[in-house]
N, C-alpha and C. Protein backbone atom coordinates (compact mmCIF):
# COMPACT_ATOMS: atom_id res chain seq x y z
N MET A 1 185.20 135.31 104.07
CA MET A 1 184.69 133.98 103.80
C MET A 1 184.34 133.29 105.12
N TYR A 2 183.34 132.50 105.10
CA TYR A 2 182.85 131.82 106.28
C TYR A 2 183.61 130.52 106.48
N GLU A 3 184.22 130.34 107.66
CA GLU A 3 185.02 129.14 107.88
C GLU A 3 184.33 128.14 108.79
N SER A 4 183.98 128.56 109.99
CA SER A 4 183.29 127.65 110.90
C SER A 4 182.47 128.46 111.90
N SER A 5 181.49 127.82 112.46
CA SER A 5 180.60 128.49 113.40
C SER A 5 181.23 128.59 114.77
N THR A 6 181.11 129.77 115.34
CA THR A 6 181.52 129.96 116.72
C THR A 6 180.28 129.85 117.58
N THR A 7 180.46 129.82 118.87
CA THR A 7 179.32 129.81 119.78
C THR A 7 178.48 131.06 119.56
N HIS A 8 179.14 132.17 119.34
CA HIS A 8 178.43 133.42 119.08
C HIS A 8 177.55 133.29 117.83
N ASP A 9 178.10 132.72 116.78
CA ASP A 9 177.34 132.50 115.54
C ASP A 9 176.12 131.61 115.80
N LEU A 10 176.33 130.57 116.58
CA LEU A 10 175.23 129.64 116.85
C LEU A 10 174.13 130.30 117.66
N ILE A 11 174.51 131.15 118.59
CA ILE A 11 173.50 131.87 119.38
C ILE A 11 172.73 132.84 118.49
N LEU A 12 173.45 133.55 117.64
CA LEU A 12 172.77 134.44 116.70
C LEU A 12 171.84 133.64 115.78
N TYR A 13 172.30 132.50 115.34
CA TYR A 13 171.48 131.63 114.50
C TYR A 13 170.22 131.19 115.24
N TYR A 14 170.37 130.82 116.49
CA TYR A 14 169.22 130.39 117.30
C TYR A 14 168.14 131.48 117.34
N PHE A 15 168.58 132.73 117.45
CA PHE A 15 167.64 133.85 117.53
C PHE A 15 167.31 134.46 116.15
N ASN A 16 167.71 133.77 115.10
CA ASN A 16 167.46 134.24 113.72
C ASN A 16 168.02 135.64 113.48
N GLU A 17 169.22 135.86 113.96
CA GLU A 17 169.86 137.16 113.84
C GLU A 17 171.08 137.13 112.91
N VAL A 18 171.07 136.22 111.96
CA VAL A 18 172.16 136.15 110.98
C VAL A 18 171.60 136.37 109.59
N GLU A 19 172.48 136.79 108.69
CA GLU A 19 172.08 136.98 107.30
C GLU A 19 171.68 135.63 106.69
N LEU A 20 170.84 135.69 105.67
CA LEU A 20 170.36 134.47 105.03
C LEU A 20 171.51 133.60 104.53
N SER A 21 172.50 134.21 103.94
CA SER A 21 173.63 133.43 103.43
C SER A 21 174.36 132.70 104.57
N ASP A 22 174.52 133.36 105.71
CA ASP A 22 175.15 132.71 106.86
C ASP A 22 174.24 131.65 107.47
N THR A 23 172.95 131.87 107.42
CA THR A 23 172.00 130.89 107.94
C THR A 23 172.17 129.56 107.22
N VAL A 24 172.28 129.62 105.92
CA VAL A 24 172.46 128.40 105.12
C VAL A 24 173.77 127.71 105.49
N LEU A 25 174.83 128.49 105.62
CA LEU A 25 176.13 127.91 105.96
C LEU A 25 176.15 127.31 107.36
N ILE A 26 175.55 128.01 108.31
CA ILE A 26 175.52 127.50 109.68
C ILE A 26 174.68 126.23 109.76
N GLN A 27 173.52 126.23 109.09
CA GLN A 27 172.69 125.03 109.11
C GLN A 27 173.43 123.85 108.48
N HIS A 28 174.14 124.11 107.41
CA HIS A 28 174.92 123.05 106.77
C HIS A 28 175.99 122.52 107.74
N GLU A 29 176.64 123.42 108.44
CA GLU A 29 177.66 122.98 109.39
C GLU A 29 177.05 122.19 110.54
N ILE A 30 175.88 122.61 111.01
CA ILE A 30 175.19 121.85 112.07
C ILE A 30 174.87 120.45 111.56
N ASP A 31 174.42 120.38 110.31
CA ASP A 31 174.04 119.08 109.73
C ASP A 31 175.24 118.17 109.48
N CYS A 32 176.39 118.76 109.17
CA CYS A 32 177.54 117.96 108.74
C CYS A 32 178.64 117.78 109.79
N ASN A 33 178.62 118.61 110.81
CA ASN A 33 179.69 118.55 111.81
C ASN A 33 179.09 118.17 113.17
N PRO A 34 179.38 116.97 113.64
CA PRO A 34 178.81 116.52 114.92
C PRO A 34 179.14 117.42 116.11
N GLU A 35 180.33 118.01 116.10
CA GLU A 35 180.70 118.91 117.22
C GLU A 35 179.85 120.17 117.20
N THR A 36 179.63 120.71 116.01
CA THR A 36 178.80 121.90 115.89
C THR A 36 177.35 121.57 116.24
N GLU A 37 176.90 120.42 115.81
CA GLU A 37 175.54 119.99 116.14
C GLU A 37 175.37 119.87 117.66
N GLU A 38 176.35 119.29 118.31
CA GLU A 38 176.31 119.14 119.77
C GLU A 38 176.29 120.51 120.45
N SER A 39 177.12 121.42 119.97
CA SER A 39 177.15 122.77 120.54
C SER A 39 175.80 123.46 120.37
N TYR A 40 175.22 123.32 119.20
CA TYR A 40 173.93 123.95 118.94
C TYR A 40 172.84 123.33 119.83
N GLN A 41 172.85 122.03 119.97
CA GLN A 41 171.86 121.36 120.82
C GLN A 41 172.00 121.80 122.28
N GLU A 42 173.21 122.04 122.73
CA GLU A 42 173.41 122.56 124.09
C GLU A 42 172.79 123.94 124.24
N ILE A 43 172.94 124.78 123.22
CA ILE A 43 172.31 126.10 123.25
C ILE A 43 170.80 125.97 123.31
N VAL A 44 170.25 125.09 122.50
CA VAL A 44 168.80 124.87 122.49
C VAL A 44 168.32 124.39 123.86
N GLN A 45 169.05 123.47 124.46
CA GLN A 45 168.66 122.96 125.78
C GLN A 45 168.73 124.04 126.85
N VAL A 46 169.76 124.85 126.81
CA VAL A 46 169.89 125.94 127.79
C VAL A 46 168.74 126.92 127.63
N MET A 47 168.42 127.27 126.40
CA MET A 47 167.33 128.22 126.17
C MET A 47 165.99 127.63 126.59
N ASP A 48 165.79 126.34 126.36
CA ASP A 48 164.56 125.69 126.82
C ASP A 48 164.47 125.73 128.34
N HIS A 49 165.59 125.49 128.99
CA HIS A 49 165.63 125.52 130.45
C HIS A 49 165.33 126.93 130.97
N ILE A 50 165.91 127.92 130.34
CA ILE A 50 165.65 129.31 130.74
C ILE A 50 164.17 129.64 130.57
N ASP A 51 163.60 129.22 129.45
CA ASP A 51 162.17 129.46 129.21
C ASP A 51 161.30 128.82 130.29
N GLN A 52 161.67 127.63 130.72
CA GLN A 52 160.91 126.94 131.76
C GLN A 52 161.05 127.62 133.12
N CYS A 53 162.18 128.25 133.34
CA CYS A 53 162.45 128.88 134.64
C CYS A 53 161.82 130.26 134.77
N MET A 54 161.47 130.85 133.67
CA MET A 54 160.93 132.21 133.72
C MET A 54 159.58 132.20 134.44
N VAL A 55 159.43 133.18 135.29
CA VAL A 55 158.22 133.28 136.10
C VAL A 55 157.46 134.52 135.65
N ASN A 56 156.17 134.37 135.50
CA ASN A 56 155.32 135.51 135.17
C ASN A 56 154.79 136.11 136.46
N PRO A 57 154.75 137.42 136.54
CA PRO A 57 154.21 138.04 137.76
C PRO A 57 152.70 137.79 137.85
N SER A 58 152.24 137.77 139.06
CA SER A 58 150.80 137.57 139.26
C SER A 58 150.04 138.79 138.78
N SER A 59 148.77 138.63 138.54
CA SER A 59 147.95 139.74 138.06
C SER A 59 147.89 140.87 139.09
N SER A 60 147.96 140.54 140.38
CA SER A 60 147.95 141.60 141.40
C SER A 60 149.22 142.45 141.34
N VAL A 61 150.35 141.82 141.04
CA VAL A 61 151.60 142.56 140.92
C VAL A 61 151.52 143.51 139.71
N ILE A 62 151.03 143.00 138.62
CA ILE A 62 150.87 143.84 137.43
C ILE A 62 149.92 145.00 137.72
N LYS A 63 148.84 144.71 138.41
CA LYS A 63 147.87 145.76 138.75
C LYS A 63 148.52 146.82 139.63
N ASN A 64 149.30 146.41 140.62
CA ASN A 64 150.00 147.36 141.48
C ASN A 64 150.98 148.24 140.70
N ILE A 65 151.69 147.64 139.79
CA ILE A 65 152.64 148.41 138.98
C ILE A 65 151.89 149.42 138.12
N LEU A 66 150.83 148.99 137.49
CA LEU A 66 150.04 149.90 136.65
C LEU A 66 149.42 151.02 137.48
N ASN A 67 148.91 150.69 138.64
CA ASN A 67 148.32 151.72 139.51
C ASN A 67 149.39 152.73 139.93
N TYR A 68 150.55 152.24 140.26
CA TYR A 68 151.65 153.14 140.64
C TYR A 68 152.02 154.03 139.46
N SER A 69 152.12 153.45 138.30
CA SER A 69 152.47 154.21 137.11
C SER A 69 151.44 155.30 136.83
N HIS A 70 150.16 154.97 136.97
CA HIS A 70 149.11 155.94 136.72
C HIS A 70 149.13 157.06 137.77
N SER A 71 149.53 156.73 138.97
CA SER A 71 149.56 157.73 140.02
C SER A 71 150.67 158.78 139.81
N LEU A 72 151.67 158.44 138.99
CA LEU A 72 152.77 159.36 138.72
C LEU A 72 152.41 160.42 137.68
N LYS A 73 151.35 160.22 136.98
CA LYS A 73 150.96 161.16 135.92
C LYS A 73 150.42 162.45 136.45
C-alpha cells in the first residue's frame, strides 16, 4: 500500500517513471500536502537549473569527434 512520497518517488514522478496508479497518488499528495509540494517544487527548480547550466558543444567539436570516429573505421 502506498503511504507517502519519498524524494525518490518524487524524482521518479518528475521523470514520468512511475506506474499510473502511483502517479495519481503522488499527484494527490503533492496537491494535498504542503511539505510534499515544497519538496517537489525544489526538485523542479533543481532540474530547471541543471537544464540551464548544460552546455552544448560547438559544431567544430562535433565535427572533430565525427571525423575521429570515421578515421577509426
